[in-house]
Amino acid sequence: MFRGHLVEQKLAWKGLTLALAILACQLTLILAVSAAWAHLRGIPAGYASLYGGGVYLIPQLLFSLFTLSRKLGPGSAGWVLWDFCVGAGIKLVSTVALFVTVLLYVEVEHLPLYVTYALSLFFQWVITIVLNNRY
């Protein structure tokens, strides 16, 4: 019984480590892309790119925090599935809310905003595949 608890803790730690590594890589990507936009098209494009990255990163952070907050135990498979479904809903609603907020209340260049968001979304899969084989 004690050994099973250690295995569950190790799996939880592995999930948290992977989530934090993905978020750190995403933040690095967003900052690099924003710096490139600022250099190529000016400071307003860099800020728009940061907004696009934030629209991606904040919901992803909320999703990660929500799904990894439950303590695992025997018979918790259903709760893990529940957490992922609710976390996905939180991510969807917060993404829409952030897009609406940015587009209504902030004057931004649309191309850098959407390109950075799309790159972040695409590289989430690439980073996850690469890091999942590593950790």
Protein backbone atom coordinates (compact mmCIF):
# COMPACT_ATOMS: atom_id res chain seq x y z
CA MET A 1 0.00 0.00 0.00
CA PHE A 2 2.78 2.43 0.89
CA ARG A 3 4.64 1.59 -2.34
CA GLY A 4 1.52 2.34 -4.40
CA HIS A 5 1.26 5.76 -2.77
CA LEU A 6 4.87 6.54 -3.73
CA VAL A 7 4.20 5.51 -7.33
CA GLU A 8 1.16 7.81 -7.45
CA GLN A 9 3.18 10.70 -6.01
CA LYS A 10 5.92 10.09 -8.58
CA LEU A 11 3.36 10.15 -11.41
CA ALA A 12 1.81 13.36 -10.06
CA TRP A 13 5.27 14.96 -9.81
CA LYS A 14 6.02 13.83 -13.38
CA GLY A 15 2.80 15.46 -14.63
CA LEU A 16 3.54 18.70 -12.78
CA THR A 17 7.12 18.77 -14.07
CA LEU A 18 5.94 18.21 -17.63
CA ALA A 19 3.25 20.91 -17.36
CA LEU A 20 5.70 23.46 -15.95
CA ALA A 21 8.30 22.62 -18.59
CA ILE A 22 5.71 23.06 -21.36
CA LEU A 23 4.58 26.40 -19.90
CA ALA A 24 8.20 27.59 -19.62
CA CYS A 25 8.90 26.62 -23.24
CA GLN A 26 5.69 28.35 -24.33
CA LEU A 27 6.63 31.54 -22.48
CA THR A 28 10.07 31.49 -24.09
CA LEU A 29 8.49 31.00 -27.52
CA ILE A 30 6.03 33.85 -26.95
CA LEU A 31 8.77 36.24 -25.82
CA ALA A 32 10.98 35.32 -28.81
CA VAL A 33 8.15 35.74 -31.32
CA SER A 34 7.13 39.05 -29.73
CA ALA A 35 10.70 40.31 -29.89
CA ALA A 36 10.84 39.34 -33.57
CA TRP A 37 7.57 41.18 -34.30
CA ALA A 38 8.82 44.24 -32.42
CA HIS A 39 12.08 44.20 -34.36
CA LEU A 40 10.49 43.63 -37.77
CA ARG A 41 7.26 45.65 -37.54
CA GLY A 42 7.69 47.94 -34.53
CA ILE A 43 6.78 48.10 -30.86
CA PRO A 44 2.97 48.03 -31.38
CA ALA A 45 3.31 44.72 -33.26
CA GLY A 46 5.44 43.37 -30.42
CA TYR A 47 2.77 44.29 -27.88
CA ALA A 48 0.05 42.75 -30.06
CA SER A 49 2.12 39.59 -30.21
CA LEU A 50 2.44 39.58 -26.42
CA TYR A 51 -1.33 39.89 -26.15
CA GLY A 52 -1.76 36.93 -28.50
CA GLY A 53 0.66 34.91 -26.43
CA GLY A 54 -1.13 35.90 -23.24
CA VAL A 55 -4.48 34.87 -24.70
CA TYR A 56 -2.94 31.43 -25.22
CA LEU A 57 -0.81 31.13 -22.08
CA ILE A 58 -3.27 32.28 -19.37
CA PRO A 59 -5.98 29.69 -20.23
CA GLN A 60 -3.29 27.01 -20.57
CA LEU A 61 -2.00 27.91 -17.11
CA LEU A 62 -5.53 27.76 -15.67
CA PHE A 63 -6.08 24.37 -17.29
CA SER A 64 -2.81 23.01 -15.92
CA LEU A 65 -3.46 24.28 -12.41
CA PHE A 66 -6.99 22.89 -12.36
CA THR A 67 -6.17 19.46 -13.76
CA LEU A 68 -3.11 18.93 -11.59
CA SER A 69 -4.64 20.13 -8.32
CA ARG A 70 -6.40 16.87 -7.39
CA LYS A 71 -4.61 14.34 -5.20
CA LEU A 72 -4.55 10.96 -6.88
CA GLY A 73 -5.74 7.88 -5.07
CA PRO A 74 -7.36 4.53 -5.65
CA GLY A 75 -10.44 4.89 -7.81
CA SER A 76 -9.65 8.43 -8.92
CA ALA A 77 -9.67 7.70 -12.67
CA GLY A 78 -13.19 9.09 -13.05
CA TRP A 79 -12.25 12.26 -11.20
CA VAL A 80 -9.18 12.73 -13.39
CA LEU A 81 -11.41 12.52 -16.47
CA TRP A 82 -13.85 14.96 -14.85
CA ASP A 83 -11.00 17.37 -14.09
CA PHE A 84 -9.81 17.27 -17.70
CA CYS A 85 -13.30 17.94 -19.05
CA VAL A 86 -13.93 20.82 -16.64
CA GLY A 87 -10.39 22.12 -17.25
CA ALA A 88 -11.01 22.10 -21.00
CA GLY A 89 -14.23 24.07 -20.42
CA ILE A 90 -12.38 26.59 -18.27
CA LYS A 91 -9.73 26.90 -20.97
CA LEU A 92 -12.31 27.44 -23.72
CA VAL A 93 -14.34 30.03 -21.80
CA SER A 94 -11.25 31.94 -20.63
CA THR A 95 -9.78 31.93 -24.17
CA VAL A 96 -12.98 33.39 -25.62
CA ALA A 97 -13.21 35.94 -22.80
CA LEU A 98 -9.61 37.04 -23.30
CA PHE A 99 -10.00 37.34 -27.08
CA VAL A 100 -13.17 39.40 -26.64
CA THR A 101 -11.51 41.60 -24.03
CA VAL A 102 -8.40 42.23 -26.13
CA LEU A 103 -10.30 42.84 -29.35
CA LEU A 104 -12.87 45.17 -27.75
CA TYR A 105 -10.75 47.17 -25.33
CA VAL A 106 -7.20 47.19 -26.69
CA GLU A 107 -6.12 48.68 -29.99
CA VAL A 108 -3.86 45.99 -31.43
CA GLU A 109 -2.53 44.88 -34.78
CA HIS A 110 -4.46 41.74 -35.61
CA LEU A 111 -1.84 39.84 -37.61
CA PRO A 112 0.79 39.59 -34.83
CA LEU A 113 -1.94 38.76 -32.30
CA TYR A 114 -3.33 35.84 -34.32
CA VAL A 115 0.03 34.58 -35.59
CA THR A 116 1.51 34.38 -32.10
CA TYR A 117 -1.61 32.68 -30.77
CA ALA A 118 -1.55 30.15 -33.61
CA LEU A 119 2.19 29.48 -33.21
CA SER A 120 1.72 28.93 -29.48
CA LEU A 121 -1.14 26.54 -30.10
CA PHE A 122 0.81 24.63 -32.75
CA PHE A 123 4.00 24.39 -30.74
CA GLN A 124 2.08 23.12 -27.71
CA TRP A 125 1.81 19.81 -29.55
CA VAL A 126 5.42 19.84 -30.71
CA ILE A 127 6.75 20.70 -27.24
CA THR A 128 4.50 18.12 -25.58
CA ILE A 129 5.70 15.36 -27.89
CA VAL A 130 9.36 16.27 -27.40
CA LEU A 131 9.16 16.69 -23.62
CA ASN A 132 6.89 13.69 -23.07
CA ASN A 133 9.64 11.45 -24.43
CA ARG A 134 12.16 13.12 -22.14
CA TYR A 135 10.49 13.22 -18.71
